[in-house]
Amino acid sequence: MLKGIDNRLNADVLRVLRAMGHGDVLIVADTNFPSDSVARATVTGELLRMENLTAAQAVQAILSVLPLDTFVDDFAGRMEIVGDPATVPPVQAEVQAEIDRAEGRHRPMIGIERFAFYDMARKSYAVIQTGERRFYGCFMFRKGVIPPEA
């Protein structure tokens, strides 16, 4: 155990979050996403798991250590619902609430069309599969920076 580290973050996830650099993309996916095959194409080439957690629980833990990019509008994204891209289902609203909590203000995610999301995921740094069983529980996060102490 480590002090100050959320115990939902396993060693593999912590290793990858630490290794990521500014602008690198992390995918947090639900149980229906083709995580294993997509993860093989990523920088890490391996699938990470946080399988006993909902998407919001996993994102809460991840954002306790991962800074989000403040230089771009696409710092976070959600997979759009096919045929209804403007609708934000409860699973996505819960993750948006975790982003807002971590950021201390409202920072809305962008919508990403389903197949564009798959393409982005294949080019990402890593994929984490959660235990989220609700549809459209798939998200993208772009790592930011931690400024030097003043």
C-alpha atoms as a PDB file:
ATOM      1  CA  MET A   1       0.000   0.000   0.000  1.00  0.00           C
ATOM      2  CA  LEU A   2       1.075   3.552  -0.663  1.00  0.00           C
ATOM      3  CA  LYS A   3      -0.045   6.681   1.128  1.00  0.00           C
ATOM      4  CA  GLY A   4      -2.082   9.113  -0.922  1.00  0.00           C
ATOM      5  CA  ILE A   5      -2.625   6.714  -3.837  1.00  0.00           C
ATOM      6  CA  ASP A   6      -6.172   5.558  -4.559  1.00  0.00           C
ATOM      7  CA  ASN A   7      -6.221   1.809  -3.854  1.00  0.00           C
ATOM      8  CA  ARG A   8      -8.316   1.230  -6.993  1.00  0.00           C
ATOM      9  CA  LEU A   9      -5.225   2.039  -9.073  1.00  0.00           C
ATOM     10  CA  ASN A  10      -3.324  -1.195  -9.564  1.00  0.00           C
ATOM     11  CA  ALA A  11       0.404  -1.350 -10.261  1.00  0.00           C
ATOM     12  CA  ASP A  12       0.011  -1.824 -14.026  1.00  0.00           C
ATOM     13  CA  VAL A  13      -2.291   1.181 -14.348  1.00  0.00           C
ATOM     14  CA  LEU A  14      -0.013   3.355 -12.202  1.00  0.00           C
ATOM     15  CA  ARG A  15       3.014   2.346 -14.288  1.00  0.00           C
ATOM     16  CA  VAL A  16       1.317   3.386 -17.522  1.00  0.00           C
ATOM     17  CA  LEU A  17      -0.140   6.622 -16.153  1.00  0.00           C
ATOM     18  CA  ARG A  18       3.336   7.566 -14.925  1.00  0.00           C
ATOM     19  CA  ALA A  19       4.975   6.704 -18.247  1.00  0.00           C
ATOM     20  CA  MET A  20       2.549   8.760 -20.342  1.00  0.00           C
ATOM     21  CA  GLY A  21       3.728  12.186 -21.486  1.00  0.00           C
ATOM     22  CA  HIS A  22       1.981  15.467 -22.235  1.00  0.00           C
ATOM     23  CA  GLY A  23      -0.633  14.983 -24.944  1.00  0.00           C
ATOM     24  CA  ASP A  24      -0.674  11.195 -24.771  1.00  0.00           C
ATOM     25  CA  VAL A  25      -4.163   9.678 -24.970  1.00  0.00           C
ATOM     26  CA  LEU A  26      -5.682   7.195 -22.535  1.00  0.00           C
ATOM     27  CA  ILE A  27      -8.836   5.219 -23.331  1.00  0.00           C
ATOM     28  CA  VAL A  28     -11.173   4.077 -20.550  1.00  0.00           C
ATOM     29  CA  ALA A  29     -13.590   1.520 -21.984  1.00  0.00           C
ATOM     30  CA  ASP A  30     -16.671  -0.425 -20.998  1.00  0.00           C
ATOM     31  CA  THR A  31     -16.958  -4.216 -21.080  1.00  0.00           C
ATOM     32  CA  ASN A  32     -18.414  -4.273 -24.606  1.00  0.00           C
ATOM     33  CA  PHE A  33     -15.568  -2.335 -26.237  1.00  0.00           C
ATOM     34  CA  PRO A  34     -13.128  -4.542 -28.215  1.00  0.00           C
ATOM     35  CA  SER A  35     -10.453  -3.613 -25.675  1.00  0.00           C
ATOM     36  CA  ASP A  36      -8.071  -6.522 -26.131  1.00  0.00           C
ATOM     37  CA  SER A  37      -7.744  -6.277 -29.900  1.00  0.00           C
ATOM     38  CA  VAL A  38      -7.630  -2.473 -29.860  1.00  0.00           C
ATOM     39  CA  ALA A  39      -5.056  -2.421 -27.036  1.00  0.00           C
ATOM     40  CA  ARG A  40      -2.658  -4.520 -29.124  1.00  0.00           C
ATOM     41  CA  ALA A  41      -2.329  -1.574 -31.535  1.00  0.00           C
ATOM     42  CA  THR A  42      -1.582   1.004 -28.804  1.00  0.00           C
ATOM     43  CA  VAL A  43       1.806   2.282 -27.653  1.00  0.00           C
ATOM     44  CA  THR A  44       1.818  -0.128 -24.705  1.00  0.00           C
ATOM     45  CA  GLY A  45       0.440  -3.024 -26.750  1.00  0.00           C
ATOM     46  CA  GLU A  46      -1.270  -4.463 -23.681  1.00  0.00           C
ATOM     47  CA  LEU A  47      -4.709  -4.256 -22.143  1.00  0.00           C
ATOM     48  CA  LEU A  48      -4.975  -2.828 -18.639  1.00  0.00           C
ATOM     49  CA  ARG A  49      -7.925  -3.683 -16.419  1.00  0.00           C
ATOM     50  CA  MET A  50      -9.929  -2.028 -13.684  1.00  0.00           C
ATOM     51  CA  GLU A  51     -12.673  -4.576 -14.090  1.00  0.00           C
ATOM     52  CA  ASN A  52     -14.533  -4.351 -10.781  1.00  0.00           C
ATOM     53  CA  LEU A  53     -15.326  -0.664 -11.230  1.00  0.00           C
ATOM     54  CA  THR A  54     -17.872   1.403 -13.095  1.00  0.00           C
ATOM     55  CA  ALA A  55     -16.544   3.912 -15.603  1.00  0.00           C
ATOM     56  CA  ALA A  56     -17.087   6.771 -13.147  1.00  0.00           C
ATOM     57  CA  GLN A  57     -15.299   4.948 -10.328  1.00  0.00           C
ATOM     58  CA  ALA A  58     -12.317   4.177 -12.552  1.00  0.00           C
ATOM     59  CA  VAL A  59     -12.168   7.752 -13.870  1.00  0.00           C
ATOM     60  CA  GLN A  60     -12.358   9.145 -10.341  1.00  0.00           C
ATOM     61  CA  ALA A  61      -9.330   7.062  -9.357  1.00  0.00           C
ATOM     62  CA  ILE A  62      -7.416   7.862 -12.562  1.00  0.00           C
ATOM     63  CA  LEU A  63      -8.022  11.607 -12.280  1.00  0.00           C
ATOM     64  CA  SER A  64      -6.720  11.542  -8.709  1.00  0.00           C
ATOM     65  CA  VAL A  65      -3.240  11.262 -10.264  1.00  0.00           C
ATOM     66  CA  LEU A  66      -3.594  12.142 -13.979  1.00  0.00           C
ATOM     67  CA  PRO A  67      -3.627  15.832 -14.957  1.00  0.00           C
ATOM     68  CA  LEU A  68      -5.832  16.663 -17.933  1.00  0.00           C
ATOM     69  CA  ASP A  69      -4.455  18.751 -20.781  1.00  0.00           C
ATOM     70  CA  THR A  70      -5.316  22.444 -20.468  1.00  0.00           C
ATOM     71  CA  PHE A  71      -3.893  23.462 -23.860  1.00  0.00           C
ATOM     72  CA  VAL A  72      -6.538  21.777 -26.040  1.00  0.00           C
ATOM     73  CA  ASP A  73     -10.317  21.535 -26.289  1.00  0.00           C
ATOM     74  CA  ASP A  74     -10.201  17.762 -26.790  1.00  0.00           C
ATOM     75  CA  PHE A  75      -8.723  17.002 -23.343  1.00  0.00           C
ATOM     76  CA  ALA A  76     -11.520  14.468 -22.790  1.00  0.00           C
ATOM     77  CA  GLY A  77     -14.081  12.830 -25.023  1.00  0.00           C
ATOM     78  CA  ARG A  78     -16.998  10.447 -24.974  1.00  0.00           C
ATOM     79  CA  MET A  79     -18.147   7.957 -27.585  1.00  0.00           C
ATOM     80  CA  GLU A  80     -21.259   9.387 -29.214  1.00  0.00           C
ATOM     81  CA  ILE A  81     -24.446   7.341 -29.399  1.00  0.00           C
ATOM     82  CA  VAL A  82     -24.970   6.063 -32.927  1.00  0.00           C
ATOM     83  CA  GLY A  83     -27.844   7.979 -34.524  1.00  0.00           C
ATOM     84  CA  ASP A  84     -28.180  10.339 -31.527  1.00  0.00           C
ATOM     85  CA  PRO A  85     -24.806  12.046 -30.993  1.00  0.00           C
ATOM     86  CA  ALA A  86     -26.104  14.895 -28.809  1.00  0.00           C
ATOM     87  CA  THR A  87     -27.625  12.628 -26.148  1.00  0.00           C
ATOM     88  CA  VAL A  88     -25.544  12.149 -23.010  1.00  0.00           C
ATOM     89  CA  PRO A  89     -26.586   8.927 -21.233  1.00  0.00           C
ATOM     90  CA  PRO A  90     -26.260   8.580 -17.429  1.00  0.00           C
ATOM     91  CA  VAL A  91     -22.915   6.744 -17.638  1.00  0.00           C
ATOM     92  CA  GLN A  92     -21.430   9.703 -19.508  1.00  0.00           C
ATOM     93  CA  ALA A  93     -23.031  12.256 -17.179  1.00  0.00           C
ATOM     94  CA  GLU A  94     -21.431  10.446 -14.221  1.00  0.00           C
ATOM     95  CA  VAL A  95     -17.994  10.617 -15.842  1.00  0.00           C
ATOM     96  CA  GLN A  96     -18.532  14.296 -16.709  1.00  0.00           C
ATOM     97  CA  ALA A  97     -19.264  14.927 -13.027  1.00  0.00           C
ATOM     98  CA  GLU A  98     -15.953  13.246 -12.091  1.00  0.00           C
ATOM     99  CA  ILE A  99     -14.078  15.410 -14.599  1.00  0.00           C
ATOM    100  CA  ASP A 100     -15.706  18.551 -13.215  1.00  0.00           C
ATOM    101  CA  ARG A 101     -14.897  17.486  -9.657  1.00  0.00           C
ATOM    102  CA  ALA A 102     -11.258  16.779 -10.490  1.00  0.00           C
ATOM    103  CA  GLU A 103     -10.880  20.033 -12.426  1.00  0.00           C
ATOM    104  CA  GLY A 104     -12.757  22.179  -9.912  1.00  0.00           C
ATOM    105  CA  ARG A 105     -14.978  23.583 -12.666  1.00  0.00           C
ATOM    106  CA  HIS A 106     -17.125  22.464 -15.575  1.00  0.00           C
ATOM    107  CA  ARG A 107     -14.985  21.269 -18.500  1.00  0.00           C
ATOM    108  CA  PRO A 108     -17.226  19.520 -21.025  1.00  0.00           C
ATOM    109  CA  MET A 109     -16.051  16.471 -22.925  1.00  0.00           C
ATOM    110  CA  ILE A 110     -16.225  16.492 -26.690  1.00  0.00           C
ATOM    111  CA  GLY A 111     -18.310  13.922 -28.547  1.00  0.00           C
ATOM    112  CA  ILE A 112     -16.436  11.461 -30.773  1.00  0.00           C
ATOM    113  CA  GLU A 113     -18.228   9.446 -33.453  1.00  0.00           C
ATOM    114  CA  ARG A 114     -18.067   5.708 -32.758  1.00  0.00           C
ATOM    115  CA  PHE A 115     -15.689   4.649 -35.548  1.00  0.00           C
ATOM    116  CA  ALA A 116     -13.527   7.749 -35.066  1.00  0.00           C
ATOM    117  CA  PHE A 117     -13.313   6.720 -31.395  1.00  0.00           C
ATOM    118  CA  TYR A 118     -12.106   3.240 -32.409  1.00  0.00           C
ATOM    119  CA  ASP A 119      -9.451   4.815 -34.657  1.00  0.00           C
ATOM    120  CA  MET A 120      -8.331   7.156 -31.869  1.00  0.00           C
ATOM    121  CA  ALA A 121      -8.196   4.246 -29.423  1.00  0.00           C
ATOM    122  CA  ARG A 122      -5.896   2.246 -31.714  1.00  0.00           C
ATOM    123  CA  LYS A 123      -3.507   5.226 -31.827  1.00  0.00           C
ATOM    124  CA  SER A 124      -3.693   5.864 -28.072  1.00  0.00           C
ATOM    125  CA  TYR A 125      -1.049   5.235 -25.465  1.00  0.00           C
ATOM    126  CA  ALA A 126      -3.130   2.651 -23.594  1.00  0.00           C
ATOM    127  CA  VAL A 127      -6.579   1.154 -23.055  1.00  0.00           C
ATOM    128  CA  ILE A 128      -8.068   0.426 -19.643  1.00  0.00           C
ATOM    129  CA  GLN A 129     -11.109  -1.833 -19.593  1.00  0.00           C
ATOM    130  CA  THR A 130     -13.497  -1.280 -16.684  1.00  0.00           C
ATOM    131  CA  GLY A 131     -16.366  -3.394 -15.419  1.00  0.00           C
ATOM    132  CA  GLU A 132     -18.863  -0.882 -16.820  1.00  0.00           C
ATOM    133  CA  ARG A 133     -21.748  -2.781 -18.421  1.00  0.00           C
ATOM    134  CA  ARG A 134     -23.841   0.170 -19.590  1.00  0.00           C
ATOM    135  CA  PHE A 135     -23.558   1.004 -23.283  1.00  0.00           C
ATOM    136  CA  TYR A 136     -21.403   3.965 -24.365  1.00  0.00           C
ATOM    137  CA  GLY A 137     -19.192   3.870 -21.280  1.00  0.00           C
ATOM    138  CA  CYS A 138     -16.110   4.645 -23.384  1.00  0.00           C
ATOM    139  CA  PHE A 139     -13.951   7.714 -22.858  1.00  0.00           C
ATOM    140  CA  MET A 140     -10.753   9.402 -24.014  1.00  0.00           C
ATOM    141  CA  PHE A 141      -8.433  11.450 -21.797  1.00  0.00           C
ATOM    142  CA  ARG A 142      -5.420  13.513 -22.925  1.00  0.00           C
ATOM    143  CA  LYS A 143      -2.663  13.834 -20.345  1.00  0.00           C
ATOM    144  CA  GLY A 144      -1.681  17.334 -19.277  1.00  0.00           C
ATOM    145  CA  VAL A 145       1.229  18.700 -17.302  1.00  0.00           C
ATOM    146  CA  ILE A 146       1.991  19.450 -13.684  1.00  0.00           C
ATOM    147  CA  PRO A 147       3.520  22.948 -13.415  1.00  0.00           C
ATOM    148  CA  PRO A 148       6.647  23.595 -11.386  1.00  0.00           C
ATOM    149  CA  GLU A 149       6.289  24.821  -7.827  1.00  0.00           C
ATOM    150  CA  ALA A 150       6.280  28.626  -7.628  1.00  0.00           C
END
